[in-house]
Amino acid sequence: MSHLSILPTVLREEDVLVQALEDLSLPVERGGYLMGFADQREPVTLRAQLPEGTWLGWRREANGQLALVGDLQRLGRSHSLQQLIGEITRRYAAHLALRTL
């Protein structure tokens, strides 16, 4: 049985995250919900569709950070989740560095 998990991140800039996701050719939608097991719905600030059709999302936390939201159990079976998150984070950091120059 899988469910949606919410993980804190150090990401804060929504537009920079969108650029990083688009670099990876992941379609991005702003707003909406991620659906989990047994009609679990989690509102998200933005979401990206992975090649196999599953979704990852991010929601704004009270501290300003964007928390990762996803069905990590399902994603772990079909995609190298740790590798994907690392690539998103690297691209995010590169875009953020270029933005501050």
PDB file of N, CA and C in Angstrom:
ATOM      1  N   MET A   1       0.851  -1.162   0.000  1.00  0.00           N
ATOM      2  CA  MET A   1       0.000   0.000   0.000  1.00  0.00           C
ATOM      3  C   MET A   1       0.902   1.232   0.000  1.00  0.00           C
ATOM      4  N   SER A   2       0.641   2.157  -0.896  1.00  0.00           N
ATOM      5  CA  SER A   2       1.460   3.359  -0.973  1.00  0.00           C
ATOM      6  C   SER A   2       0.648   4.572  -0.549  1.00  0.00           C
ATOM      7  N   HIS A   3       1.353   5.606  -0.195  1.00  0.00           N
ATOM      8  CA  HIS A   3       0.704   6.842   0.219  1.00  0.00           C
ATOM      9  C   HIS A   3       1.622   8.004  -0.102  1.00  0.00           C
ATOM     10  N   LEU A   4       1.093   9.202  -0.027  1.00  0.00           N
ATOM     11  CA  LEU A   4       1.895  10.391  -0.299  1.00  0.00           C
ATOM     12  C   LEU A   4       2.755  10.714   0.906  1.00  0.00           C
ATOM     13  N   SER A   5       4.008  11.032   0.629  1.00  0.00           N
ATOM     14  CA  SER A   5       4.944  11.450   1.664  1.00  0.00           C
ATOM     15  C   SER A   5       5.311  12.902   1.422  1.00  0.00           C
ATOM     16  N   ILE A   6       5.648  13.598   2.494  1.00  0.00           N
ATOM     17  CA  ILE A   6       6.061  15.000   2.414  1.00  0.00           C
ATOM     18  C   ILE A   6       7.435  15.103   3.043  1.00  0.00           C
ATOM     19  N   LEU A   7       8.417  15.569   2.248  1.00  0.00           N
ATOM     20  CA  LEU A   7       9.793  15.669   2.722  1.00  0.00           C
ATOM     21  C   LEU A   7      10.263  17.115   2.657  1.00  0.00           C
ATOM     22  N   PRO A   8      10.872  17.615   3.721  1.00  0.00           N
ATOM     23  CA  PRO A   8      11.409  18.981   3.678  1.00  0.00           C
ATOM     24  C   PRO A   8      12.575  19.062   2.701  1.00  0.00           C
ATOM     25  N   THR A   9      12.762  20.214   2.097  1.00  0.00           N
ATOM     26  CA  THR A   9      13.901  20.470   1.212  1.00  0.00           C
ATOM     27  C   THR A   9      14.492  21.832   1.576  1.00  0.00           C
ATOM     28  N   VAL A  10      15.574  22.197   0.904  1.00  0.00           N
ATOM     29  CA  VAL A  10      16.170  23.524   1.088  1.00  0.00           C
ATOM     30  C   VAL A  10      15.736  24.463  -0.045  1.00  0.00           C
ATOM     31  N   LEU A  11      14.892  23.992  -0.941  1.00  0.00           N
ATOM     32  CA  LEU A  11      14.452  24.787  -2.077  1.00  0.00           C
ATOM     33  C   LEU A  11      13.455  25.845  -1.626  1.00  0.00           C
ATOM     34  N   ARG A  12      13.612  27.055  -2.161  1.00  0.00           N
ATOM     35  CA  ARG A  12      12.722  28.161  -1.798  1.00  0.00           C
ATOM     36  C   ARG A  12      12.133  28.886  -3.012  1.00  0.00           C
ATOM     37  N   GLU A  13      12.885  28.952  -4.082  1.00  0.00           N
ATOM     38  CA  GLU A  13      12.495  29.763  -5.247  1.00  0.00           C
ATOM     39  C   GLU A  13      11.706  28.925  -6.255  1.00  0.00           C
ATOM     40  N   GLU A  14      10.420  29.172  -6.307  1.00  0.00           N
ATOM     41  CA  GLU A  14       9.537  28.393  -7.172  1.00  0.00           C
ATOM     42  C   GLU A  14       9.921  28.498  -8.647  1.00  0.00           C
ATOM     43  N   ASP A  15      10.205  29.707  -9.130  1.00  0.00           N
ATOM     44  CA  ASP A  15      10.547  29.884 -10.542  1.00  0.00           C
ATOM     45  C   ASP A  15      11.847  29.174 -10.906  1.00  0.00           C
ATOM     46  N   VAL A  16      12.789  29.145  -9.986  1.00  0.00           N
ATOM     47  CA  VAL A  16      14.058  28.455 -10.228  1.00  0.00           C
ATOM     48  C   VAL A  16      13.820  26.948 -10.286  1.00  0.00           C
ATOM     49  N   LEU A  17      12.958  26.437  -9.435  1.00  0.00           N
ATOM     50  CA  LEU A  17      12.617  25.020  -9.464  1.00  0.00           C
ATOM     51  C   LEU A  17      11.944  24.663 -10.786  1.00  0.00           C
ATOM     52  N   VAL A  18      11.056  25.512 -11.263  1.00  0.00           N
ATOM     53  CA  VAL A  18      10.398  25.267 -12.547  1.00  0.00           C
ATOM     54  C   VAL A  18      11.446  25.180 -13.658  1.00  0.00           C
ATOM     55  N   GLN A  19      12.424  26.075 -13.659  1.00  0.00           N
ATOM     56  CA  GLN A  19      13.494  26.023 -14.665  1.00  0.00           C
ATOM     57  C   GLN A  19      14.249  24.703 -14.595  1.00  0.00           C
ATOM     58  N   ALA A  20      14.570  24.261 -13.398  1.00  0.00           N
ATOM     59  CA  ALA A  20      15.303  23.002 -13.219  1.00  0.00           C
ATOM     60  C   ALA A  20      14.494  21.826 -13.757  1.00  0.00           C
ATOM     61  N   LEU A  21      13.211  21.805 -13.465  1.00  0.00           N
ATOM     62  CA  LEU A  21      12.349  20.719 -13.943  1.00  0.00           C
ATOM     63  C   LEU A  21      12.212  20.753 -15.462  1.00  0.00           C
ATOM     64  N   GLU A  22      12.088  21.946 -16.018  1.00  0.00           N
ATOM     65  CA  GLU A  22      11.974  22.068 -17.471  1.00  0.00           C
ATOM     66  C   GLU A  22      13.266  21.664 -18.158  1.00  0.00           C
ATOM     67  N   ASP A  23      14.426  21.906 -17.524  1.00  0.00           N
ATOM     68  CA  ASP A  23      15.702  21.431 -18.062  1.00  0.00           C
ATOM     69  C   ASP A  23      15.688  19.921 -18.257  1.00  0.00           C
ATOM     70  N   LEU A  24      14.979  19.229 -17.381  1.00  0.00           N
ATOM     71  CA  LEU A  24      14.894  17.768 -17.429  1.00  0.00           C
ATOM     72  C   LEU A  24      13.722  17.289 -18.285  1.00  0.00           C
ATOM     73  N   SER A  25      13.107  18.219 -19.011  1.00  0.00           N
ATOM     74  CA  SER A  25      11.968  17.930 -19.896  1.00  0.00           C
ATOM     75  C   SER A  25      10.784  17.332 -19.144  1.00  0.00           C
ATOM     76  N   LEU A  26      10.589  17.790 -17.915  1.00  0.00           N
ATOM     77  CA  LEU A  26       9.444  17.342 -17.125  1.00  0.00           C
ATOM     78  C   LEU A  26       8.341  18.387 -17.221  1.00  0.00           C
ATOM     79  N   PRO A  27       7.169  18.017 -17.724  1.00  0.00           N
ATOM     80  CA  PRO A  27       6.065  18.977 -17.795  1.00  0.00           C
ATOM     81  C   PRO A  27       5.679  19.461 -16.393  1.00  0.00           C
ATOM     82  N   VAL A  28       5.534  20.772 -16.249  1.00  0.00           N
ATOM     83  CA  VAL A  28       5.253  21.378 -14.947  1.00  0.00           C
ATOM     84  C   VAL A  28       3.885  22.049 -14.974  1.00  0.00           C
ATOM     85  N   GLU A  29       3.129  21.860 -13.908  1.00  0.00           N
ATOM     86  CA  GLU A  29       1.849  22.554 -13.722  1.00  0.00           C
ATOM     87  C   GLU A  29       1.889  23.251 -12.378  1.00  0.00           C
ATOM     88  N   ARG A  30       1.377  24.449 -12.333  1.00  0.00           N
ATOM     89  CA  ARG A  30       1.297  25.182 -11.068  1.00  0.00           C
ATOM     90  C   ARG A  30      -0.048  24.887 -10.404  1.00  0.00           C
ATOM     91  N   GLY A  31       0.023  24.650  -9.104  1.00  0.00           N
ATOM     92  CA  GLY A  31      -1.197  24.384  -8.346  1.00  0.00           C
ATOM     93  C   GLY A  31      -1.707  22.968  -8.548  1.00  0.00           C
ATOM     94  N   GLY A  32      -2.824  22.702  -7.951  1.00  0.00           N
ATOM     95  CA  GLY A  32      -3.452  21.402  -8.093  1.00  0.00           C
ATOM     96  C   GLY A  32      -3.223  20.507  -6.890  1.00  0.00           C
ATOM     97  N   TYR A  33      -3.428  19.229  -7.116  1.00  0.00           N
ATOM     98  CA  TYR A  33      -3.328  18.224  -6.050  1.00  0.00           C
ATOM     99  C   TYR A  33      -2.549  17.027  -6.551  1.00  0.00           C
ATOM    100  N   LEU A  34      -1.938  16.322  -5.620  1.00  0.00           N
ATOM    101  CA  LEU A  34      -1.429  14.991  -5.903  1.00  0.00           C
ATOM    102  C   LEU A  34      -2.379  14.012  -5.241  1.00  0.00           C
ATOM    103  N   MET A  35      -2.671  12.945  -5.946  1.00  0.00           N
ATOM    104  CA  MET A  35      -3.593  11.937  -5.439  1.00  0.00           C
ATOM    105  C   MET A  35      -2.797  10.761  -4.898  1.00  0.00           C
ATOM    106  N   GLY A  36      -3.219  10.262  -3.749  1.00  0.00           N
ATOM    107  CA  GLY A  36      -2.583   9.112  -3.131  1.00  0.00           C
ATOM    108  C   GLY A  36      -3.566   7.977  -2.958  1.00  0.00           C
ATOM    109  N   PHE A  37      -3.217   7.053  -2.124  1.00  0.00           N
ATOM    110  CA  PHE A  37      -4.036   5.882  -1.845  1.00  0.00           C
ATOM    111  C   PHE A  37      -5.321   6.277  -1.119  1.00  0.00           C
ATOM    112  N   ALA A  38      -6.410   5.598  -1.432  1.00  0.00           N
ATOM    113  CA  ALA A  38      -7.696   5.789  -0.748  1.00  0.00           C
ATOM    114  C   ALA A  38      -8.158   7.244  -0.774  1.00  0.00           C
ATOM    115  N   ASP A  39      -8.080   7.845  -1.943  1.00  0.00           N
ATOM    116  CA  ASP A  39      -8.556   9.216  -2.150  1.00  0.00           C
ATOM    117  C   ASP A  39      -7.785  10.271  -1.357  1.00  0.00           C
ATOM    118  N   GLN A  40      -6.572   9.950  -0.927  1.00  0.00           N
ATOM    119  CA  GLN A  40      -5.738  10.951  -0.270  1.00  0.00           C
ATOM    120  C   GLN A  40      -5.400  12.022  -1.304  1.00  0.00           C
ATOM    121  N   ARG A  41      -5.614  13.278  -0.937  1.00  0.00           N
ATOM    122  CA  ARG A  41      -5.312  14.419  -1.816  1.00  0.00           C
ATOM    123  C   ARG A  41      -4.433  15.383  -1.046  1.00  0.00           C
ATOM    124  N   GLU A  42      -3.375  15.814  -1.673  1.00  0.00           N
ATOM    125  CA  GLU A  42      -2.468  16.760  -1.043  1.00  0.00           C
ATOM    126  C   GLU A  42      -2.320  17.967  -1.963  1.00  0.00           C
ATOM    127  N   PRO A  43      -2.685  19.172  -1.498  1.00  0.00           N
ATOM    128  CA  PRO A  43      -2.513  20.354  -2.343  1.00  0.00           C
ATOM    129  C   PRO A  43      -1.034  20.658  -2.551  1.00  0.00           C
ATOM    130  N   VAL A  44      -0.692  21.083  -3.757  1.00  0.00           N
ATOM    131  CA  VAL A  44       0.695  21.411  -4.082  1.00  0.00           C
ATOM    132  C   VAL A  44       0.769  22.764  -4.772  1.00  0.00           C
ATOM    133  N   THR A  45       1.907  23.410  -4.616  1.00  0.00           N
ATOM    134  CA  THR A  45       2.179  24.689  -5.269  1.00  0.00           C
ATOM    135  C   THR A  45       2.488  24.463  -6.744  1.00  0.00           C
ATOM    136  N   LEU A  46       3.251  23.404  -7.016  1.00  0.00           N
ATOM    137  CA  LEU A  46       3.521  23.002  -8.386  1.00  0.00           C
ATOM    138  C   LEU A  46       3.765  21.507  -8.412  1.00  0.00           C
ATOM    139  N   ARG A  47       3.613  20.940  -9.613  1.00  0.00           N
ATOM    140  CA  ARG A  47       3.832  19.507  -9.772  1.00  0.00           C
ATOM    141  C   ARG A  47       4.435  19.247 -11.140  1.00  0.00           C
ATOM    142  N   ALA A  48       5.180  18.145 -11.210  1.00  0.00           N
ATOM    143  CA  ALA A  48       5.842  17.761 -12.455  1.00  0.00           C
ATOM    144  C   ALA A  48       5.526  16.301 -12.744  1.00  0.00           C
ATOM    145  N   GLN A  49       5.234  16.033 -14.011  1.00  0.00           N
ATOM    146  CA  GLN A  49       4.921  14.663 -14.401  1.00  0.00           C
ATOM    147  C   GLN A  49       6.185  13.972 -14.881  1.00  0.00           C
ATOM    148  N   LEU A  50       6.444  12.813 -14.312  1.00  0.00           N
ATOM    149  CA  LEU A  50       7.604  12.011 -14.677  1.00  0.00           C
ATOM    150  C   LEU A  50       7.276  11.194 -15.922  1.00  0.00           C
ATOM    151  N   PRO A  51       8.311  10.726 -16.645  1.00  0.00           N
ATOM    152  CA  PRO A  51       8.066  10.013 -17.909  1.00  0.00           C
ATOM    153  C   PRO A  51       7.094   8.837 -17.800  1.00  0.00           C
ATOM    154  N   GLU A  52       7.085   8.119 -16.682  1.00  0.00           N
ATOM    155  CA  GLU A  52       6.178   6.970 -16.560  1.00  0.00           C
ATOM    156  C   GLU A  52       4.766   7.376 -16.162  1.00  0.00           C
ATOM    157  N   GLY A  53       4.511   8.686 -16.052  1.00  0.00           N
ATOM    158  CA  GLY A  53       3.163   9.168 -15.779  1.00  0.00           C
ATOM    159  C   GLY A  53       2.870   9.502 -14.330  1.00  0.00           C
ATOM    160  N   THR A  54       3.768   9.178 -13.417  1.00  0.00           N
ATOM    161  CA  THR A  54       3.566   9.536 -12.016  1.00  0.00           C
ATOM    162  C   THR A  54       3.945  11.003 -11.815  1.00  0.00           C
ATOM    163  N   TRP A  55       3.577  11.533 -10.652  1.00  0.00           N
ATOM    164  CA  TRP A  55       3.779  12.948 -10.375  1.00  0.00           C
ATOM    165  C   TRP A  55       4.611  13.152  -9.122  1.00  0.00           C
ATOM    166  N   LEU A  56       5.415  14.200  -9.149  1.00  0.00           N
ATOM    167  CA  LEU A  56       6.073  14.741  -7.961  1.00  0.00           C
ATOM    168  C   LEU A  56       5.530  16.140  -7.779  1.00  0.00           C
ATOM    169  N   GLY A  57       5.364  16.563  -6.543  1.00  0.00           N
ATOM    170  CA  GLY A  57       4.878  17.907  -6.294  1.00  0.00           C
ATOM    171  C   GLY A  57       5.698  18.592  -5.216  1.00  0.00           C
ATOM    172  N   TRP A  58       5.511  19.884  -5.105  1.00  0.00           N
ATOM    173  CA  TRP A  58       6.145  20.682  -4.053  1.00  0.00           C
ATOM    174  C   TRP A  58       5.081  21.616  -3.500  1.00  0.00           C
ATOM    175  N   ARG A  59       5.101  21.789  -2.196  1.00  0.00           N
ATOM    176  CA  ARG A  59       4.170  22.716  -1.575  1.00  0.00           C
ATOM    177  C   ARG A  59       4.953  23.678  -0.690  1.00  0.00           C
ATOM    178  N   ARG A  60       4.453  24.891  -0.603  1.00  0.00           N
ATOM    179  CA  ARG A  60       5.097  25.934   0.194  1.00  0.00           C
ATOM    180  C   ARG A  60       4.797  25.689   1.668  1.00  0.00           C
ATOM    181  N   GLU A  61       5.838  25.622   2.469  1.00  0.00           N
ATOM    182  CA  GLU A  61       5.712  25.442   3.915  1.00  0.00           C
ATOM    183  C   GLU A  61       5.702  26.816   4.594  1.00  0.00           C
ATOM    184  N   ALA A  62       5.313  26.867   5.849  1.00  0.00           N
ATOM    185  CA  ALA A  62       5.251  28.122   6.597  1.00  0.00           C
ATOM    186  C   ALA A  62       6.607  28.808   6.692  1.00  0.00           C
ATOM    187  N   ASN A  63       7.697  28.037   6.660  1.00  0.00           N
ATOM    188  CA  ASN A  63       9.036  28.614   6.750  1.00  0.00           C
ATOM    189  C   ASN A  63       9.559  29.100   5.399  1.00  0.00           C
ATOM    190  N   GLY A  64       8.750  28.997   4.344  1.00  0.00           N
ATOM    191  CA  GLY A  64       9.129  29.476   3.021  1.00  0.00           C
ATOM    192  C   GLY A  64       9.746  28.418   2.124  1.00  0.00           C
ATOM    193  N   GLN A  65      10.075  27.280   2.672  1.00  0.00           N
ATOM    194  CA  GLN A  65      10.685  26.227   1.869  1.00  0.00           C
ATOM    195  C   GLN A  65       9.621  25.468   1.088  1.00  0.00           C
ATOM    196  N   LEU A  66      10.075  24.854  -0.002  1.00  0.00           N
ATOM    197  CA  LEU A  66       9.204  24.018  -0.818  1.00  0.00           C
ATOM    198  C   LEU A  66       9.427  22.568  -0.419  1.00  0.00           C
ATOM    199  N   ALA A  67       8.441  21.945   0.173  1.00  0.00           N
ATOM    200  CA  ALA A  67       8.543  20.543   0.583  1.00  0.00           C
ATOM    201  C   ALA A  67       8.166  19.647  -0.591  1.00  0.00           C
ATOM    202  N   LEU A  68       8.896  18.557  -0.755  1.00  0.00           N
ATOM    203  CA  LEU A  68       8.627  17.576  -1.800  1.00  0.00           C
ATOM    204  C   LEU A  68       7.454  16.696  -1.384  1.00  0.00           C
ATOM    205  N   VAL A  69       6.517  16.490  -2.301  1.00  0.00           N
ATOM    206  CA  VAL A  69       5.345  15.656  -2.057  1.00  0.00           C
ATOM    207  C   VAL A  69       5.285  14.595  -3.147  1.00  0.00           C
ATOM    208  N   GLY A  70       5.152  13.339  -2.756  1.00  0.00           N
ATOM    209  CA  GLY A  70       5.032  12.298  -3.768  1.00  0.00           C
ATOM    210  C   GLY A  70       4.765  10.941  -3.167  1.00  0.00           C
ATOM    211  N   ASP A  71       4.363  10.044  -4.015  1.00  0.00           N
ATOM    212  CA  ASP A  71       4.173   8.652  -3.633  1.00  0.00           C
ATOM    213  C   ASP A  71       5.538   7.985  -3.771  1.00  0.00           C
ATOM    214  N   LEU A  72       6.361   8.144  -2.753  1.00  0.00           N
ATOM    215  CA  LEU A  72       7.750   7.721  -2.823  1.00  0.00           C
ATOM    216  C   LEU A  72       7.891   6.208  -2.949  1.00  0.00           C
ATOM    217  N   GLN A  73       6.952   5.466  -2.410  1.00  0.00           N
ATOM    218  CA  GLN A  73       7.005   4.011  -2.527  1.00  0.00           C
ATOM    219  C   GLN A  73       6.831   3.585  -3.985  1.00  0.00           C
ATOM    220  N   ARG A  74       5.876   4.161  -4.663  1.00  0.00           N
ATOM    221  CA  ARG A  74       5.644   3.835  -6.074  1.00  0.00           C
ATOM    222  C   ARG A  74       6.780   4.354  -6.946  1.00  0.00           C
ATOM    223  N   LEU A  75       7.242   5.564  -6.684  1.00  0.00           N
ATOM    224  CA  LEU A  75       8.324   6.139  -7.472  1.00  0.00           C
ATOM    225  C   LEU A  75       9.614   5.349  -7.320  1.00  0.00           C
ATOM    226  N   GLY A  76       9.857   4.841  -6.132  1.00  0.00           N
ATOM    227  CA  GLY A  76      11.068   4.068  -5.893  1.00  0.00           C
ATOM    228  C   GLY A  76      11.128   2.798  -6.717  1.00  0.00           C
ATOM    229  N   ARG A  77       9.979   2.257  -7.089  1.00  0.00           N
ATOM    230  CA  ARG A  77       9.932   1.041  -7.889  1.00  0.00           C
ATOM    231  C   ARG A  77      10.226   1.301  -9.360  1.00  0.00           C
ATOM    232  N   SER A  78       9.808   2.454  -9.871  1.00  0.00           N
ATOM    233  CA  SER A  78       9.875   2.677 -11.311  1.00  0.00           C
ATOM    234  C   SER A  78      10.938   3.677 -11.740  1.00  0.00           C
ATOM    235  N   HIS A  79      11.551   4.340 -10.828  1.00  0.00           N
ATOM    236  CA  HIS A  79      12.483   5.415 -11.184  1.00  0.00           C
ATOM    237  C   HIS A  79      13.539   5.508 -10.101  1.00  0.00           C
ATOM    238  N   SER A  80      14.734   5.855 -10.474  1.00  0.00           N
ATOM    239  CA  SER A  80      15.764   6.067  -9.466  1.00  0.00           C
ATOM    240  C   SER A  80      15.495   7.411  -8.795  1.00  0.00           C
ATOM    241  N   LEU A  81      14.690   7.377  -7.751  1.00  0.00           N
ATOM    242  CA  LEU A  81      14.218   8.597  -7.105  1.00  0.00           C
ATOM    243  C   LEU A  81      15.366   9.436  -6.554  1.00  0.00           C
ATOM    244  N   GLN A  82      16.302   8.801  -5.895  1.00  0.00           N
ATOM    245  CA  GLN A  82      17.426   9.541  -5.319  1.00  0.00           C
ATOM    246  C   GLN A  82      18.233  10.237  -6.414  1.00  0.00           C
ATOM    247  N   GLN A  83      18.439   9.567  -7.518  1.00  0.00           N
ATOM    248  CA  GLN A  83      19.167  10.154  -8.643  1.00  0.00           C
ATOM    249  C   GLN A  83      18.393  11.339  -9.224  1.00  0.00           C
ATOM    250  N   LEU A  84      17.086  11.174  -9.381  1.00  0.00           N
ATOM    251  CA  LEU A  84      16.256  12.247  -9.932  1.00  0.00           C
ATOM    252  C   LEU A  84      16.263  13.471  -9.017  1.00  0.00           C
ATOM    253  N   ILE A  85      16.086  13.276  -7.733  1.00  0.00           N
ATOM    254  CA  ILE A  85      16.083  14.400  -6.797  1.00  0.00           C
ATOM    255  C   ILE A  85      17.442  15.093  -6.793  1.00  0.00           C
ATOM    256  N   GLY A  86      18.504  14.308  -6.879  1.00  0.00           N
ATOM    257  CA  GLY A  86      19.844  14.900  -6.965  1.00  0.00           C
ATOM    258  C   GLY A  86      20.013  15.754  -8.203  1.00  0.00           C
ATOM    259  N   GLU A  87      19.516  15.275  -9.334  1.00  0.00           N
ATOM    260  CA  GLU A  87      19.625  16.037 -10.584  1.00  0.00           C
ATOM    261  C   GLU A  87      18.792  17.317 -10.524  1.00  0.00           C
ATOM    262  N   ILE A  88      17.595  17.238  -9.973  1.00  0.00           N
ATOM    263  CA  ILE A  88      16.764  18.440  -9.819  1.00  0.00           C
ATOM    264  C   ILE A  88      17.476  19.452  -8.927  1.00  0.00           C
ATOM    265  N   THR A  89      18.041  18.978  -7.827  1.00  0.00           N
ATOM    266  CA  THR A  89      18.731  19.870  -6.881  1.00  0.00           C
ATOM    267  C   THR A  89      19.954  20.519  -7.526  1.00  0.00           C
ATOM    268  N   ARG A  90      20.733  19.755  -8.292  1.00  0.00           N
ATOM    269  CA  ARG A  90      21.907  20.322  -8.975  1.00  0.00           C
ATOM    270  C   ARG A  90      21.504  21.399  -9.966  1.00  0.00           C
ATOM    271  N   ARG A  91      20.484  21.123 -10.747  1.00  0.00           N
ATOM    272  CA  ARG A  91      20.034  22.112 -11.736  1.00  0.00           C
ATOM    273  C   ARG A  91      19.447  23.344 -11.044  1.00  0.00           C
ATOM    274  N   TYR A  92      18.734  23.131  -9.961  1.00  0.00           N
ATOM    275  CA  TYR A  92      18.198  24.240  -9.171  1.00  0.00           C
ATOM    276  C   TYR A  92      19.351  25.118  -8.682  1.00  0.00           C
ATOM    277  N   ALA A  93      20.387  24.500  -8.114  1.00  0.00           N
ATOM    278  CA  ALA A  93      21.531  25.249  -7.589  1.00  0.00           C
ATOM    279  C   ALA A  93      22.232  26.030  -8.701  1.00  0.00           C
ATOM    280  N   ALA A  94      22.374  25.429  -9.875  1.00  0.00           N
ATOM    281  CA  ALA A  94      23.028  26.107 -10.994  1.00  0.00           C
ATOM    282  C   ALA A  94      22.215  27.324 -11.444  1.00  0.00           C
ATOM    283  N   HIS A  95      20.908  27.162 -11.573  1.00  0.00           N
ATOM    284  CA  HIS A  95      20.063  28.290 -11.970  1.00  0.00           C
ATOM    285  C   HIS A  95      20.062  29.388 -10.911  1.00  0.00           C
ATOM    286  N   LEU A  96      20.040  28.999  -9.652  1.00  0.00           N
ATOM    287  CA  LEU A  96      20.052  29.981  -8.573  1.00  0.00           C
ATOM    288  C   LEU A  96      21.374  30.759  -8.575  1.00  0.00           C
ATOM    289  N   ALA A  97      22.487  30.070  -8.807  1.00  0.00           N
ATOM    290  CA  ALA A  97      23.790  30.744  -8.870  1.00  0.00           C
ATOM    291  C   ALA A  97      23.833  31.730 -10.030  1.00  0.00           C
ATOM    292  N   LEU A  98      23.330  31.315 -11.195  1.00  0.00           N
ATOM    293  CA  LEU A  98      23.320  32.217 -12.346  1.00  0.00           C
ATOM    294  C   LEU A  98      22.418  33.414 -12.119  1.00  0.00           C
ATOM    295  N   ARG A  99      21.348  33.201 -11.425  1.00  0.00           N
ATOM    296  CA  ARG A  99      20.398  34.277 -11.132  1.00  0.00           C
ATOM    297  C   ARG A  99      21.022  35.336 -10.215  1.00  0.00           C
ATOM    298  N   THR A 100      21.877  34.921  -9.303  1.00  0.00           N
ATOM    299  CA  THR A 100      22.456  35.859  -8.340  1.00  0.00           C
ATOM    300  C   THR A 100      23.699  36.571  -8.882  1.00  0.00           C
ATOM    301  N   LEU A 101      24.203  36.160 -10.060  1.00  0.00           N
ATOM    302  CA  LEU A 101      25.376  36.842 -10.632  1.00  0.00           C
ATOM    303  C   LEU A 101      25.040  38.189 -11.196  1.00  0.00           C
TER     304      LEU A 101
END
